[in-house]
């Protein structure tokens, strides 16, 4: 009797824990696969990043020796790789789209999209880097802080370039 209770308790515990452990394993495996794909891409490009960041299915980095900004967005259909010369960047700005919701008699805003728009000196069209889109990923992961950080880094690099051009 005691043995059967212990076996049942063990089986019920395993049935509760195994699905959770399986989902964690699958998530880590997918994340490692994405990181490996980006590392392989970076090896092919022969770039060494002074500042870089990887989150969800995105990568952004600045190579100060070549004055290059690289943005990679991994997608099941197609990988988007953008490589920009920071010498051409005039400035950048954050584009944020929110939706207002009324929840418990209070208005709350929900982030819909968060982009970083790069403006160029030349006649190049502006480039928009998508940091967050609710259609792709429902969970926010400090995207606003990340966008502000990269805006500052890009503007800092663009200011250095502008000062060199003016001298």
Protein backbone atom coordinates (compact mmCIF):
# COMPACT_ATOMS: atom_id res chain seq x y z
CA UNK A 1 0.00 0.00 0.00
CA UNK A 2 2.76 2.43 1.01
CA UNK A 3 4.80 1.54 -2.10
CA UNK A 4 1.88 2.21 -4.45
CA UNK A 5 1.27 5.61 -2.83
CA UNK A 6 4.93 6.52 -3.30
CA UNK A 7 4.89 5.39 -6.92
CA UNK A 8 1.72 7.38 -7.64
CA UNK A 9 3.16 10.48 -5.94
CA UNK A 10 6.34 10.14 -7.98
CA UNK A 11 4.42 9.69 -11.25
CA UNK A 12 2.14 12.66 -10.60
CA UNK A 13 5.14 14.83 -9.68
CA UNK A 14 6.99 13.78 -12.85
CA UNK A 15 3.93 14.47 -14.99
CA UNK A 16 3.82 17.99 -13.55
CA UNK A 17 7.54 18.71 -13.88
CA UNK A 18 8.43 17.01 -17.18
CA UNK A 19 6.38 19.30 -19.48
CA UNK A 20 7.89 22.37 -17.82
CA UNK A 21 11.43 20.97 -18.14
CA UNK A 22 10.75 20.03 -21.77
CA UNK A 23 9.60 23.55 -22.69
CA UNK A 24 12.66 25.07 -20.97
CA UNK A 25 14.90 22.67 -22.91
CA UNK A 26 13.25 23.51 -26.24
CA UNK A 27 13.53 27.26 -25.53
CA UNK A 28 17.22 27.04 -24.64
CA UNK A 29 17.92 24.91 -27.69
CA UNK A 30 16.24 27.47 -29.99
CA UNK A 31 18.11 30.32 -28.31
CA UNK A 32 21.45 28.56 -28.72
CA UNK A 33 20.62 27.85 -32.37
CA UNK A 34 19.93 31.56 -32.96
CA UNK A 35 23.15 32.61 -31.23
CA UNK A 36 25.13 30.11 -33.30
CA UNK A 37 23.56 31.40 -36.53
CA UNK A 38 24.54 34.96 -35.60
CA UNK A 39 28.08 33.93 -34.59
CA UNK A 40 28.51 32.14 -37.92
CA UNK A 41 27.30 35.25 -39.76
CA UNK A 42 29.69 37.48 -37.81
CA UNK A 43 32.62 35.17 -38.58
CA UNK A 44 31.83 35.44 -42.30
CA UNK A 45 31.70 39.24 -42.02
CA UNK A 46 35.04 39.40 -40.13
CA UNK A 47 33.72 41.99 -37.69
CA UNK A 48 34.76 42.57 -34.09
CA UNK A 49 32.14 44.40 -32.09
CA UNK A 50 33.06 46.84 -29.33
CA UNK A 51 29.41 46.97 -28.27
CA UNK A 52 26.83 44.29 -29.08
CA UNK A 53 23.60 42.81 -27.79
CA UNK A 54 21.52 39.72 -28.54
CA UNK A 55 17.86 39.40 -27.51
CA UNK A 56 14.97 37.24 -28.69
CA UNK A 57 15.73 36.81 -32.40
CA UNK A 58 17.69 40.05 -32.83
CA UNK A 59 21.30 41.18 -32.75
CA UNK A 60 22.79 44.65 -32.92
CA UNK A 61 26.44 45.63 -32.72
CA UNK A 62 28.90 48.42 -33.47
CA UNK A 63 32.37 47.75 -34.86
CA UNK A 64 34.32 50.93 -34.10
CA UNK A 65 37.35 49.96 -36.20
CA UNK A 66 35.30 49.80 -39.40
CA UNK A 67 32.67 52.31 -38.16
CA UNK A 68 29.91 49.84 -38.97
CA UNK A 69 26.56 49.13 -37.35
CA UNK A 70 25.09 45.68 -37.93
CA UNK A 71 21.50 44.68 -37.18
CA UNK A 72 20.30 41.09 -37.61
CA UNK A 73 16.70 39.92 -37.24
CA UNK A 74 16.32 36.15 -37.40
CA UNK A 75 13.05 34.91 -38.79
CA UNK A 76 11.73 31.46 -39.69
CA UNK A 77 11.14 32.62 -43.28
CA UNK A 78 14.07 34.92 -43.94
CA UNK A 79 16.96 36.41 -41.96
CA UNK A 80 17.25 40.19 -42.26
CA UNK A 81 20.82 41.53 -42.11
CA UNK A 82 21.45 45.27 -42.25
CA UNK A 83 24.96 46.67 -42.34
CA UNK A 84 25.33 50.45 -42.16
CA UNK A 85 28.32 52.74 -42.36
CA UNK A 86 28.21 54.99 -39.29
CA UNK A 87 30.08 57.69 -41.22
CA UNK A 88 26.86 58.34 -43.16
CA UNK A 89 24.52 58.46 -40.15
CA UNK A 90 23.35 61.98 -39.33
CA UNK A 91 21.13 61.06 -36.36
CA UNK A 92 18.64 58.55 -35.07
CA UNK A 93 15.31 58.68 -33.32
CA UNK A 94 13.01 56.31 -31.48
CA UNK A 95 9.64 55.58 -33.08
CA UNK A 96 7.16 54.20 -30.56
CA UNK A 97 3.58 53.12 -31.15
CA UNK A 98 1.38 52.40 -28.14
CA UNK A 99 -2.25 51.46 -27.63
CA UNK A 100 -4.27 52.76 -24.70
CA UNK A 101 -6.36 50.32 -22.63
CA UNK A 102 -8.67 50.95 -19.72
CA UNK A 103 -7.95 48.47 -16.96
CA UNK A 104 -9.48 48.71 -13.48
CA UNK A 105 -10.60 52.30 -14.09
CA UNK A 106 -7.05 53.30 -15.06
CA UNK A 107 -5.65 53.99 -18.49
CA UNK A 108 -2.63 51.87 -19.35
CA UNK A 109 -0.56 52.01 -22.49
CA UNK A 110 0.60 48.86 -24.23
CA UNK A 111 3.63 48.94 -26.50
CA UNK A 112 2.73 47.87 -30.04
CA UNK A 113 5.95 48.60 -31.94
CA UNK A 114 9.31 50.09 -31.09
CA UNK A 115 11.70 51.08 -33.86
CA UNK A 116 14.93 52.99 -34.19
CA UNK A 117 15.06 55.16 -37.31
CA UNK A 118 18.47 56.06 -38.75
CA UNK A 119 18.70 59.31 -40.70
CA UNK A 120 21.55 59.71 -43.19
CA UNK A 121 23.60 62.68 -44.45
CA UNK A 122 23.41 61.55 -48.05
CA UNK A 123 20.37 60.89 -50.17
CA UNK A 124 20.11 57.38 -48.74
CA UNK A 125 16.63 56.46 -47.53
CA UNK A 126 16.09 56.27 -43.79
CA UNK A 127 16.48 52.82 -42.27
CA UNK A 128 14.16 51.52 -39.57
CA UNK A 129 15.43 48.91 -37.12
CA UNK A 130 12.60 46.99 -35.45
CA UNK A 131 13.36 46.44 -31.77
CA UNK A 132 9.90 45.19 -30.82
CA UNK A 133 6.66 44.28 -32.57
CA UNK A 134 3.74 42.82 -30.64
CA UNK A 135 2.84 40.71 -33.71
CA UNK A 136 6.20 38.90 -33.49
CA UNK A 137 6.60 38.61 -29.74
CA UNK A 138 4.04 39.24 -27.02
CA UNK A 139 6.50 39.60 -24.15
CA UNK A 140 8.41 42.83 -23.67
CA UNK A 141 12.00 42.52 -22.48
CA UNK A 142 13.18 46.04 -21.58
CA UNK A 143 12.98 47.08 -25.23
CA UNK A 144 12.56 50.80 -24.44
CA UNK A 145 15.75 50.86 -22.36
CA UNK A 146 17.52 48.92 -25.09
CA UNK A 147 16.36 51.34 -27.80
CA UNK A 148 17.45 54.35 -25.72
CA UNK A 149 20.85 52.76 -25.11
CA UNK A 150 21.43 52.08 -28.81
CA UNK A 151 20.14 55.50 -29.81
CA UNK A 152 22.77 57.07 -27.52
CA UNK A 153 25.53 54.77 -28.84
CA UNK A 154 24.67 55.49 -32.47
CA UNK A 155 24.39 59.23 -31.87
CA UNK A 156 27.72 59.17 -30.06
CA UNK A 157 29.35 57.43 -33.04
CA UNK A 158 27.60 59.80 -35.48
CA UNK A 159 28.77 62.83 -33.45
CA UNK A 160 32.37 61.57 -33.59
CA UNK A 161 32.03 61.21 -37.35
CA UNK A 162 30.43 64.66 -37.70
CA UNK A 163 33.23 66.27 -35.66
CA UNK A 164 35.87 64.58 -37.84
CA UNK A 165 34.15 65.81 -41.03
CA UNK A 166 33.94 69.37 -39.70
CA UNK A 167 37.65 69.50 -38.76
